[in-house]
Amino acid sequence: VPVNGVVRTLSDDKKNETVLLDFGFN
């Protein structure tokens, strides 16, 4: 995964989540 390598992030309180939808190089 480019830019920062993150696939998923989940806050400790479980209220906020970020998931990778797509990535690319062009």
PDB file of all heavy atoms in Angstrom:
ATOM      1  N   VAL A   1       0.847  -1.200   0.000  1.00  0.00           N
ATOM      2  CA  VAL A   1       0.000   0.000   0.000  1.00  0.00           C
ATOM      3  C   VAL A   1       0.881   1.247   0.000  1.00  0.00           C
ATOM      4  O   VAL A   1       1.737   1.393   0.874  1.00  0.00           O
ATOM      5  CB  VAL A   1      -0.937   0.007   1.225  1.00  0.00           C
ATOM      6  CG1 VAL A   1      -1.802   1.262   1.217  1.00  0.00           C
ATOM      7  CG2 VAL A   1      -1.795  -1.248   1.245  1.00  0.00           C
ATOM      8  N   PRO A   2       0.687   2.149  -0.968  1.00  0.00           N
ATOM      9  CA  PRO A   2       1.523   3.359  -1.031  1.00  0.00           C
ATOM     10  C   PRO A   2       1.107   4.417  -0.012  1.00  0.00           C
ATOM     11  O   PRO A   2       0.201   4.195   0.793  1.00  0.00           O
ATOM     12  CB  PRO A   2       1.287   3.852  -2.466  1.00  0.00           C
ATOM     13  CG  PRO A   2      -0.106   3.396  -2.778  1.00  0.00           C
ATOM     14  CD  PRO A   2      -0.273   2.070  -2.069  1.00  0.00           C
ATOM     15  N   VAL A   3       1.765   5.541  -0.057  1.00  0.00           N
ATOM     16  CA  VAL A   3       1.549   6.742   0.755  1.00  0.00           C
ATOM     17  C   VAL A   3       1.946   6.505   2.208  1.00  0.00           C
ATOM     18  O   VAL A   3       2.944   7.039   2.671  1.00  0.00           O
ATOM     19  CB  VAL A   3       0.107   7.277   0.652  1.00  0.00           C
ATOM     20  CG1 VAL A   3      -0.025   8.593   1.431  1.00  0.00           C
ATOM     21  CG2 VAL A   3      -0.289   7.496  -0.810  1.00  0.00           C
ATOM     22  N   ASN A   4       1.153   5.713   2.973  1.00  0.00           N
ATOM     23  CA  ASN A   4       1.526   5.466   4.371  1.00  0.00           C
ATOM     24  C   ASN A   4       1.405   3.999   4.780  1.00  0.00           C
ATOM     25  O   ASN A   4       1.682   3.661   5.924  1.00  0.00           O
ATOM     26  CB  ASN A   4       0.706   6.340   5.326  1.00  0.00           C
ATOM     27  CG  ASN A   4      -0.780   6.038   5.251  1.00  0.00           C
ATOM     28  OD1 ASN A   4      -1.227   5.186   4.490  1.00  0.00           O
ATOM     29  ND2 ASN A   4      -1.556   6.755   6.040  1.00  0.00           N
ATOM     30  N   GLY A   5       0.983   3.148   3.865  1.00  0.00           N
ATOM     31  CA  GLY A   5       0.946   1.707   4.132  1.00  0.00           C
ATOM     32  C   GLY A   5      -0.231   1.218   4.946  1.00  0.00           C
ATOM     33  O   GLY A   5      -0.315   0.027   5.267  1.00  0.00           O
ATOM     34  N   VAL A   6      -1.179   2.084   5.276  1.00  0.00           N
ATOM     35  CA  VAL A   6      -2.266   1.704   6.185  1.00  0.00           C
ATOM     36  C   VAL A   6      -3.388   0.979   5.444  1.00  0.00           C
ATOM     37  O   VAL A   6      -3.901   1.467   4.430  1.00  0.00           O
ATOM     38  CB  VAL A   6      -2.829   2.939   6.908  1.00  0.00           C
ATOM     39  CG1 VAL A   6      -4.012   2.553   7.793  1.00  0.00           C
ATOM     40  CG2 VAL A   6      -1.748   3.597   7.753  1.00  0.00           C
ATOM     41  N   VAL A   7      -3.787  -0.177   5.987  1.00  0.00           N
ATOM     42  CA  VAL A   7      -4.896  -0.958   5.457  1.00  0.00           C
ATOM     43  C   VAL A   7      -6.181  -0.687   6.239  1.00  0.00           C
ATOM     44  O   VAL A   7      -7.268  -0.565   5.670  1.00  0.00           O
ATOM     45  CB  VAL A   7      -4.570  -2.465   5.510  1.00  0.00           C
ATOM     46  CG1 VAL A   7      -5.765  -3.308   5.091  1.00  0.00           C
ATOM     47  CG2 VAL A   7      -3.356  -2.781   4.643  1.00  0.00           C
ATOM     48  N   ARG A   8      -6.035  -0.577   7.543  1.00  0.00           N
ATOM     49  CA  ARG A   8      -7.203  -0.362   8.413  1.00  0.00           C
ATOM     50  C   ARG A   8      -6.744   0.326   9.686  1.00  0.00           C
ATOM     51  O   ARG A   8      -5.635   0.075  10.169  1.00  0.00           O
ATOM     52  CB  ARG A   8      -7.862  -1.697   8.764  1.00  0.00           C
ATOM     53  CG  ARG A   8      -9.065  -1.609   9.701  1.00  0.00           C
ATOM     54  CD  ARG A   8      -9.614  -2.988  10.011  1.00  0.00           C
ATOM     55  NE  ARG A   8     -10.760  -2.910  10.923  1.00  0.00           N
ATOM     56  CZ  ARG A   8     -10.866  -3.564  12.069  1.00  0.00           C
ATOM     57  NH1 ARG A   8      -9.871  -4.360  12.479  1.00  0.00           N
ATOM     58  NH2 ARG A   8     -11.940  -3.437  12.829  1.00  0.00           N
ATOM     59  N   THR A   9      -7.600   1.181  10.242  1.00  0.00           N
ATOM     60  CA  THR A   9      -7.344   1.821  11.531  1.00  0.00           C
ATOM     61  C   THR A   9      -8.619   1.792  12.349  1.00  0.00           C
ATOM     62  O   THR A   9      -9.702   2.101  11.831  1.00  0.00           O
ATOM     63  CB  THR A   9      -6.874   3.280  11.349  1.00  0.00           C
ATOM     64  OG1 THR A   9      -5.611   3.295  10.682  1.00  0.00           O
ATOM     65  CG2 THR A   9      -6.719   3.980  12.689  1.00  0.00           C
ATOM     66  N   LEU A  10      -8.504   1.434  13.616  1.00  0.00           N
ATOM     67  CA  LEU A  10      -9.650   1.381  14.516  1.00  0.00           C
ATOM     68  C   LEU A  10      -9.281   2.098  15.805  1.00  0.00           C
ATOM     69  O   LEU A  10      -8.277   1.779  16.443  1.00  0.00           O
ATOM     70  CB  LEU A  10     -10.032  -0.067  14.816  1.00  0.00           C
ATOM     71  CG  LEU A  10     -11.235  -0.287  15.738  1.00  0.00           C
ATOM     72  CD1 LEU A  10     -12.517   0.233  15.088  1.00  0.00           C
ATOM     73  CD2 LEU A  10     -11.376  -1.765  16.093  1.00  0.00           C
ATOM     74  N   SER A  11     -10.103   3.083  16.186  1.00  0.00           N
ATOM     75  CA  SER A  11      -9.833   3.824  17.416  1.00  0.00           C
ATOM     76  C   SER A  11     -10.055   2.929  18.624  1.00  0.00           C
ATOM     77  O   SER A  11     -10.846   1.982  18.586  1.00  0.00           O
ATOM     78  CB  SER A  11     -10.731   5.066  17.507  1.00  0.00           C
ATOM     79  OG  SER A  11     -12.097   4.692  17.584  1.00  0.00           O
ATOM     80  N   ASP A  12      -9.368   3.245  19.709  1.00  0.00           N
ATOM     81  CA  ASP A  12      -9.470   2.429  20.921  1.00  0.00           C
ATOM     82  C   ASP A  12     -10.891   2.391  21.479  1.00  0.00           C
ATOM     83  O   ASP A  12     -11.291   1.402  22.102  1.00  0.00           O
ATOM     84  CB  ASP A  12      -8.503   2.954  21.986  1.00  0.00           C
ATOM     85  CG  ASP A  12      -7.062   2.531  21.712  1.00  0.00           C
ATOM     86  OD1 ASP A  12      -6.804   1.970  20.627  1.00  0.00           O
ATOM     87  OD2 ASP A  12      -6.194   2.767  22.577  1.00  0.00           O
ATOM     88  N   ASP A  13     -11.659   3.459  21.254  1.00  0.00           N
ATOM     89  CA  ASP A  13     -13.034   3.474  21.755  1.00  0.00           C
ATOM     90  C   ASP A  13     -14.016   2.853  20.764  1.00  0.00           C
ATOM     91  O   ASP A  13     -15.231   2.847  21.010  1.00  0.00           O
ATOM     92  CB  ASP A  13     -13.470   4.897  22.112  1.00  0.00           C
ATOM     93  CG  ASP A  13     -13.440   5.847  20.916  1.00  0.00           C
ATOM     94  OD1 ASP A  13     -13.265   5.382  19.767  1.00  0.00           O
ATOM     95  OD2 ASP A  13     -13.590   7.064  21.128  1.00  0.00           O
ATOM     96  N   LYS A  14     -13.491   2.357  19.634  1.00  0.00           N
ATOM     97  CA  LYS A  14     -14.288   1.674  18.600  1.00  0.00           C
ATOM     98  C   LYS A  14     -15.286   2.592  17.899  1.00  0.00           C
ATOM     99  O   LYS A  14     -16.144   2.115  17.142  1.00  0.00           O
ATOM    100  CB  LYS A  14     -15.043   0.477  19.192  1.00  0.00           C
ATOM    101  CG  LYS A  14     -14.174  -0.522  19.945  1.00  0.00           C
ATOM    102  CD  LYS A  14     -13.176  -1.206  19.040  1.00  0.00           C
ATOM    103  CE  LYS A  14     -12.503  -2.397  19.720  1.00  0.00           C
ATOM    104  NZ  LYS A  14     -11.605  -2.006  20.823  1.00  0.00           N
ATOM    105  N   LYS A  15     -15.181   3.901  18.086  1.00  0.00           N
ATOM    106  CA  LYS A  15     -16.142   4.817  17.476  1.00  0.00           C
ATOM    107  C   LYS A  15     -15.732   5.242  16.070  1.00  0.00           C
ATOM    108  O   LYS A  15     -16.580   5.681  15.279  1.00  0.00           O
ATOM    109  CB  LYS A  15     -16.310   6.061  18.357  1.00  0.00           C
ATOM    110  CG  LYS A  15     -16.992   5.789  19.684  1.00  0.00           C
ATOM    111  CD  LYS A  15     -17.179   7.070  20.478  1.00  0.00           C
ATOM    112  CE  LYS A  15     -17.888   6.802  21.795  1.00  0.00           C
ATOM    113  NZ  LYS A  15     -18.076   8.052  22.585  1.00  0.00           N
ATOM    114  N   ASN A  16     -14.450   5.146  15.751  1.00  0.00           N
ATOM    115  CA  ASN A  16     -13.961   5.594  14.446  1.00  0.00           C
ATOM    116  C   ASN A  16     -13.146   4.489  13.796  1.00  0.00           C
ATOM    117  O   ASN A  16     -12.258   3.898  14.420  1.00  0.00           O
ATOM    118  CB  ASN A  16     -13.106   6.850  14.597  1.00  0.00           C
ATOM    119  CG  ASN A  16     -13.903   8.033  15.103  1.00  0.00           C
ATOM    120  OD1 ASN A  16     -14.534   8.738  14.329  1.00  0.00           O
ATOM    121  ND2 ASN A  16     -13.894   8.261  16.409  1.00  0.00           N
ATOM    122  N   GLU A  17     -13.444   4.228  12.534  1.00  0.00           N
ATOM    123  CA  GLU A  17     -12.724   3.204  11.778  1.00  0.00           C
ATOM    124  C   GLU A  17     -12.455   3.715  10.363  1.00  0.00           C
ATOM    125  O   GLU A  17     -13.295   4.377   9.762  1.00  0.00           O
ATOM    126  CB  GLU A  17     -13.539   1.913  11.709  1.00  0.00           C
ATOM    127  CG  GLU A  17     -12.833   0.775  10.983  1.00  0.00           C
ATOM    128  CD  GLU A  17     -13.657  -0.502  10.937  1.00  0.00           C
ATOM    129  OE1 GLU A  17     -14.853  -0.449  11.288  1.00  0.00           O
ATOM    130  OE2 GLU A  17     -13.106  -1.541  10.523  1.00  0.00           O
ATOM    131  N   THR A  18     -11.270   3.414   9.866  1.00  0.00           N
ATOM    132  CA  THR A  18     -10.905   3.745   8.491  1.00  0.00           C
ATOM    133  C   THR A  18     -10.489   2.473   7.784  1.00  0.00           C
ATOM    134  O   THR A  18      -9.662   1.715   8.300  1.00  0.00           O
ATOM    135  CB  THR A  18      -9.748   4.759   8.463  1.00  0.00           C
ATOM    136  OG1 THR A  18     -10.155   5.968   9.105  1.00  0.00           O
ATOM    137  CG2 THR A  18      -9.354   5.089   7.027  1.00  0.00           C
ATOM    138  N   VAL A  19     -11.085   2.230   6.606  1.00  0.00           N
ATOM    139  CA  VAL A  19     -10.754   1.028   5.841  1.00  0.00           C
ATOM    140  C   VAL A  19     -10.295   1.427   4.447  1.00  0.00           C
ATOM    141  O   VAL A  19     -10.790   2.389   3.857  1.00  0.00           O
ATOM    142  CB  VAL A  19     -11.960   0.068   5.745  1.00  0.00           C
ATOM    143  CG1 VAL A  19     -12.310  -0.486   7.115  1.00  0.00           C
ATOM    144  CG2 VAL A  19     -13.168   0.744   5.122  1.00  0.00           C
ATOM    145  N   LEU A  20      -9.336   0.682   3.921  1.00  0.00           N
ATOM    146  CA  LEU A  20      -8.790   0.950   2.597  1.00  0.00           C
ATOM    147  C   LEU A  20      -9.770   0.468   1.532  1.00  0.00           C
ATOM    148  O   LEU A  20     -10.137  -0.707   1.500  1.00  0.00           O
ATOM    149  CB  LEU A  20      -7.437   0.253   2.447  1.00  0.00           C
ATOM    150  CG  LEU A  20      -6.662   0.506   1.158  1.00  0.00           C
ATOM    151  CD1 LEU A  20      -6.239   1.977   1.061  1.00  0.00           C
ATOM    152  CD2 LEU A  20      -5.434  -0.404   1.092  1.00  0.00           C
ATOM    153  N   LEU A  21     -10.187   1.385   0.666  1.00  0.00           N
ATOM    154  CA  LEU A  21     -11.111   1.040  -0.408  1.00  0.00           C
ATOM    155  C   LEU A  21     -10.369   0.695  -1.704  1.00  0.00           C
ATOM    156  O   LEU A  21     -10.789  -0.196  -2.442  1.00  0.00           O
ATOM    157  CB  LEU A  21     -12.081   2.193  -0.676  1.00  0.00           C
ATOM    158  CG  LEU A  21     -12.921   2.681   0.507  1.00  0.00           C
ATOM    159  CD1 LEU A  21     -13.847   3.812   0.072  1.00  0.00           C
ATOM    160  CD2 LEU A  21     -13.712   1.539   1.122  1.00  0.00           C
ATOM    161  N   ASP A  22      -9.298   1.401  -1.959  1.00  0.00           N
ATOM    162  CA  ASP A  22      -8.537   1.166  -3.181  1.00  0.00           C
ATOM    163  C   ASP A  22      -7.222   1.928  -3.084  1.00  0.00           C
ATOM    164  O   ASP A  22      -7.056   2.812  -2.239  1.00  0.00           O
ATOM    165  CB  ASP A  22      -9.323   1.649  -4.409  1.00  0.00           C
ATOM    166  CG  ASP A  22      -8.853   1.019  -5.716  1.00  0.00           C
ATOM    167  OD1 ASP A  22      -7.914   0.182  -5.675  1.00  0.00           O
ATOM    168  OD2 ASP A  22      -9.414   1.354  -6.770  1.00  0.00           O
ATOM    169  N   PHE A  23      -6.287   1.582  -3.943  1.00  0.00           N
ATOM    170  CA  PHE A  23      -5.031   2.321  -4.030  1.00  0.00           C
ATOM    171  C   PHE A  23      -4.439   2.096  -5.412  1.00  0.00           C
ATOM    172  O   PHE A  23      -4.849   1.200  -6.155  1.00  0.00           O
ATOM    173  CB  PHE A  23      -4.051   1.903  -2.927  1.00  0.00           C
ATOM    174  CG  PHE A  23      -3.582   0.475  -3.006  1.00  0.00           C
ATOM    175  CD1 PHE A  23      -2.452   0.130  -3.736  1.00  0.00           C
ATOM    176  CD2 PHE A  23      -4.265  -0.539  -2.341  1.00  0.00           C
ATOM    177  CE1 PHE A  23      -2.009  -1.185  -3.802  1.00  0.00           C
ATOM    178  CE2 PHE A  23      -3.826  -1.857  -2.392  1.00  0.00           C
ATOM    179  CZ  PHE A  23      -2.702  -2.181  -3.126  1.00  0.00           C
ATOM    180  N   GLY A  24      -3.465   2.940  -5.764  1.00  0.00           N
ATOM    181  CA  GLY A  24      -2.848   2.804  -7.078  1.00  0.00           C
ATOM    182  C   GLY A  24      -1.633   3.697  -7.214  1.00  0.00           C
ATOM    183  O   GLY A  24      -1.198   4.346  -6.263  1.00  0.00           O
ATOM    184  N   PHE A  25      -1.134   3.744  -8.437  1.00  0.00           N
ATOM    185  CA  PHE A  25       0.148   4.412  -8.681  1.00  0.00           C
ATOM    186  C   PHE A  25       0.116   5.351  -9.890  1.00  0.00           C
ATOM    187  O   PHE A  25       1.151   5.831 -10.327  1.00  0.00           O
ATOM    188  CB  PHE A  25       1.230   3.345  -8.882  1.00  0.00           C
ATOM    189  CG  PHE A  25       1.297   2.367  -7.743  1.00  0.00           C
ATOM    190  CD1 PHE A  25       0.585   1.182  -7.772  1.00  0.00           C
ATOM    191  CD2 PHE A  25       2.042   2.655  -6.605  1.00  0.00           C
ATOM    192  CE1 PHE A  25       0.627   0.284  -6.712  1.00  0.00           C
ATOM    193  CE2 PHE A  25       2.082   1.777  -5.542  1.00  0.00           C
ATOM    194  CZ  PHE A  25       1.374   0.594  -5.592  1.00  0.00           C
ATOM    195  N   ASN A  26      -1.101   5.637 -10.387  1.00  0.00           N
ATOM    196  CA  ASN A  26      -1.224   6.508 -11.553  1.00  0.00           C
ATOM    197  C   ASN A  26      -2.324   7.534 -11.371  1.00  0.00           C
ATOM    198  O   ASN A  26      -3.017   7.894 -12.324  1.00  0.00           O
ATOM    199  CB  ASN A  26      -1.484   5.677 -12.814  1.00  0.00           C
ATOM    200  CG  ASN A  26      -2.757   4.849 -12.714  1.00  0.00           C
ATOM    201  OD1 ASN A  26      -3.349   4.757 -11.645  1.00  0.00           O
ATOM    202  ND2 ASN A  26      -3.173   4.249 -13.823  1.00  0.00           N
TER     203      ASN A  26
END
